[in-house]
Protein backbone atom coordinates (compact mmCIF):
# COMPACT_ATOMS: atom_id res chain seq x y z
CA UNK A 1 106.14 -30.72 192.78
CA UNK A 2 105.64 -27.85 190.58
CA UNK A 3 108.41 -27.40 187.52
CA UNK A 4 111.46 -25.80 187.99
CA UNK A 5 111.83 -22.48 186.60
CA UNK A 6 114.80 -20.08 185.47
CA UNK A 7 113.71 -18.05 187.98
CA UNK A 8 113.38 -20.42 190.90
CA UNK A 9 116.20 -21.42 190.67
CA UNK A 10 118.22 -18.67 190.40
CA UNK A 11 116.63 -18.12 193.92
CA UNK A 12 117.29 -22.00 195.23
CA UNK A 13 120.84 -21.17 194.36
CA UNK A 14 121.26 -17.93 195.76
CA UNK A 15 119.62 -19.78 198.82
CA UNK A 16 123.08 -22.22 199.29
CA UNK A 17 125.32 -19.72 198.20
CA UNK A 18 126.60 -19.83 202.00
CA UNK A 19 126.80 -23.54 201.93
CA UNK A 20 128.46 -24.37 198.38
CA UNK A 21 131.35 -22.31 196.69
CA UNK A 22 129.80 -22.08 193.33
CA UNK A 23 133.08 -19.96 192.61
CA UNK A 24 134.94 -22.56 192.70
CA UNK A 25 132.48 -25.44 192.75
CA UNK A 26 134.31 -28.43 190.99
CA UNK A 27 133.06 -29.64 186.46
CA UNK A 28 133.51 -33.37 187.03
CA UNK A 29 132.50 -34.31 190.69
CA UNK A 30 130.95 -37.89 189.71
CA UNK A 31 127.95 -38.23 192.38
CA UNK A 32 126.38 -34.34 190.28
CA UNK A 33 126.61 -36.92 186.64
CA UNK A 34 125.43 -39.81 188.15
CA UNK A 35 121.52 -37.66 189.14
CA UNK A 36 121.79 -36.76 184.99
CA UNK A 37 123.09 -40.32 183.69
CA UNK A 38 120.23 -41.65 186.04
CA UNK A 39 118.10 -39.43 184.39
CA UNK A 40 117.06 -38.50 188.28
CA UNK A 41 116.35 -34.82 187.42
CA UNK A 42 112.80 -33.44 189.34
CA UNK A 43 113.42 -30.13 189.93
CA UNK A 44 116.65 -29.94 187.90
CA UNK A 45 115.72 -26.62 185.43
CA UNK A 46 115.92 -27.96 181.40
CA UNK A 47 115.62 -31.63 182.66
CA UNK A 48 112.87 -32.24 183.82
CA UNK A 49 110.48 -33.76 180.99
CA UNK A 50 110.61 -37.01 179.89
CA UNK A 51 111.33 -35.98 176.64
CA UNK A 52 114.70 -34.56 179.00
CA UNK A 53 114.81 -37.69 180.87
CA UNK A 54 114.90 -39.80 177.62
CA UNK A 55 117.29 -38.19 176.33
CA UNK A 56 119.51 -38.20 179.46
CA UNK A 57 119.12 -41.74 179.65
CA UNK A 58 120.55 -41.80 175.62
CA UNK A 59 123.62 -40.18 176.67
CA UNK A 60 124.51 -40.64 180.24
CA UNK A 61 126.55 -37.42 180.11
CA UNK A 62 129.93 -37.77 181.42
CA UNK A 63 131.60 -34.75 181.60
CA UNK A 64 130.68 -30.67 181.05
CA UNK A 65 130.46 -30.57 177.28
CA UNK A 66 128.54 -33.92 176.59
CA UNK A 67 126.67 -32.25 179.73
CA UNK A 68 126.45 -29.35 176.94
CA UNK A 69 125.52 -30.55 174.17
CA UNK A 70 122.70 -33.18 175.05
CA UNK A 71 120.69 -30.00 176.62
CA UNK A 72 121.11 -28.31 173.01
CA UNK A 73 119.93 -31.29 171.48
CA UNK A 74 117.09 -31.23 173.32
CA UNK A 75 116.50 -27.67 173.42
CA UNK A 76 118.63 -26.37 170.76
CA UNK A 77 117.69 -26.40 167.02
CA UNK A 78 120.13 -30.11 166.84
CA UNK A 79 116.76 -31.35 168.23
CA UNK A 80 117.03 -35.27 168.06
CA UNK A 81 118.07 -37.12 165.55
CA UNK A 82 121.27 -35.34 166.09
CA UNK A 83 121.22 -36.83 169.19
CA UNK A 84 120.83 -40.52 168.00
CA UNK A 85 124.31 -39.81 165.63
CA UNK A 86 125.58 -38.64 169.10
CA UNK A 87 124.88 -41.91 170.76
CA UNK A 88 125.82 -43.92 168.23
CA UNK A 89 129.52 -42.09 167.31
CA UNK A 90 130.64 -43.37 171.34
CA UNK A 91 128.69 -46.82 171.28
CA UNK A 92 129.54 -47.81 167.53
CA UNK A 93 133.37 -48.20 167.96
CA UNK A 94 135.38 -47.83 165.88
CA UNK A 95 132.69 -45.19 164.64
CA UNK A 96 134.36 -42.96 162.58
CA UNK A 97 132.87 -39.68 161.55
CA UNK A 98 134.91 -39.52 157.66
CA UNK A 99 133.43 -36.19 156.64
CA UNK A 100 135.29 -34.16 159.24
CA UNK A 101 139.00 -36.67 160.59
CA UNK A 102 140.42 -36.25 157.05
CA UNK A 103 141.80 -32.49 158.43
CA UNK A 104 143.71 -32.66 162.77
CA UNK A 105 142.41 -29.08 162.97
CA UNK A 106 138.45 -29.53 162.07
CA UNK A 107 139.07 -32.49 163.89
CA UNK A 108 139.70 -31.05 167.03
CA UNK A 109 137.45 -28.00 166.63
CA UNK A 110 135.01 -30.70 166.34
CA UNK A 111 136.71 -33.06 169.57
CA UNK A 112 133.61 -31.87 172.07
CA UNK A 113 130.49 -32.41 170.78
CA UNK A 114 132.64 -36.29 169.69
CA UNK A 115 133.18 -35.56 165.87
CA UNK A 116 129.77 -33.81 165.06
CA UNK A 117 129.20 -30.45 163.62
CA UNK A 118 126.87 -28.31 166.81
CA UNK A 119 127.54 -25.40 168.07
CA UNK A 120 127.49 -22.42 165.72
CA UNK A 121 131.22 -21.06 166.73
CA UNK A 122 132.46 -24.90 165.53
CA UNK A 123 131.11 -23.75 162.09
CA UNK A 124 133.15 -20.21 162.06
CA UNK A 125 136.28 -21.87 163.64
CA UNK A 126 136.22 -24.51 161.06
CA UNK A 127 135.10 -21.44 157.85
CA UNK A 128 138.50 -19.43 159.49
CA UNK A 129 140.29 -22.40 159.18
CA UNK A 130 139.35 -23.64 155.51
CA UNK A 131 140.89 -19.40 154.59
CA UNK A 132 143.64 -20.29 156.69
CA UNK A 133 144.72 -23.04 153.95
CA UNK A 134 147.67 -22.64 151.30
CA UNK A 135 146.25 -23.36 147.53
CA UNK A 136 148.43 -26.80 148.35
CA UNK A 137 146.41 -27.34 151.41
CA UNK A 138 143.13 -26.60 149.54
CA UNK A 139 144.10 -29.05 146.63
CA UNK A 140 145.37 -32.11 149.14
CA UNK A 141 142.13 -31.04 151.45
CA UNK A 142 139.66 -31.03 148.37
CA UNK A 143 137.27 -33.83 148.90
CA UNK A 144 137.53 -33.14 152.12
CA UNK A 145 136.27 -29.97 152.31
CA UNK A 146 133.87 -30.01 150.37
CA UNK A 147 131.89 -32.21 152.03
CA UNK A 148 132.47 -30.08 155.08
CA UNK A 149 131.32 -27.12 153.37
CA UNK A 150 128.04 -28.88 152.12
CA UNK A 151 127.50 -30.17 156.02
CA UNK A 152 127.72 -26.82 157.02
CA UNK A 153 125.83 -25.56 154.49
CA UNK A 154 123.53 -28.70 155.58
CA UNK A 155 123.30 -27.65 159.14
CA UNK A 156 123.66 -23.87 159.26
CA UNK A 157 120.25 -23.10 160.44
CA UNK A 158 119.88 -26.14 162.50
CA UNK A 159 123.50 -25.36 165.08
CA UNK A 160 123.38 -24.00 167.84
CA UNK A 161 125.27 -20.96 170.83
CA UNK A 162 127.62 -23.10 172.11
CA UNK A 163 128.55 -20.31 175.24
CA UNK A 164 124.22 -20.02 175.36
CA UNK A 165 123.71 -24.13 176.05
CA UNK A 166 127.25 -23.90 178.60
CA UNK A 167 126.57 -21.60 180.78
CA UNK A 168 122.54 -23.59 180.57
CA UNK A 169 124.18 -26.65 181.83
CA UNK A 170 126.07 -24.60 184.10
CA UNK A 171 122.98 -24.13 185.87
CA UNK A 172 121.64 -27.04 185.54
CA UNK A 173 124.62 -29.10 186.94
CA UNK A 174 124.56 -26.75 189.86
CA UNK A 175 120.63 -27.22 190.47
CA UNK A 176 122.22 -30.95 190.37
CA UNK A 177 125.10 -30.30 192.59
CA UNK A 178 122.83 -29.43 194.87
CA UNK A 179 120.23 -32.62 194.67
CA UNK A 180 123.14 -35.27 194.53
CA UNK A 181 125.29 -33.48 197.99
CA UNK A 182 122.27 -31.97 200.28
CA UNK A 183 119.82 -34.22 199.02
CA UNK A 184 117.42 -33.51 202.11
CA UNK A 185 117.99 -30.13 201.98
CA UNK A 186 117.15 -29.55 198.51
CA UNK A 187 114.07 -31.64 199.17
CA UNK A 188 112.44 -29.53 201.63
CA UNK A 189 113.65 -26.20 199.59
CA UNK A 190 111.83 -27.86 196.29
CA UNK A 191 108.66 -28.30 198.59
CA UNK A 192 108.65 -24.51 200.02
């Protein structure tokens, strides 16, 4: 079987448009996430390489945020070793990422990536939040702000675009949904 290209993925989705309501696709489908958790991703755009499969087996994404983050860490600027920090945050309990848990708004901004700075959009939100702090708040959180700004400086060249990778994850998710719920038709289409 040849690798899934973006063009081929779009044609496959067009073929299934009458059979699957892509506009109302549930993004919490257990069977679809099992495809990713088992790395049964032959035929899934961007998820077919052994590298991608290894990452999927390590993270075992359970929701759309985790899937988006995994794809970004496999294909974006924040490639491994950030994946291992992401895994560690989930696996080692209780694990805190002390740089960011001092300030509740920062913790909230980073909640979709387990408290890890991954997205350019997170960086912008954090910087905007820091700008809105009063002098008293800045003094109270002086050390936390210093650490956060240092982390942003270190990671600025490795942050990914959330919207781009969420769109990629949605494409992967749609393909996995078809594979999970219509395996025969998916396999038949892949062999054409």
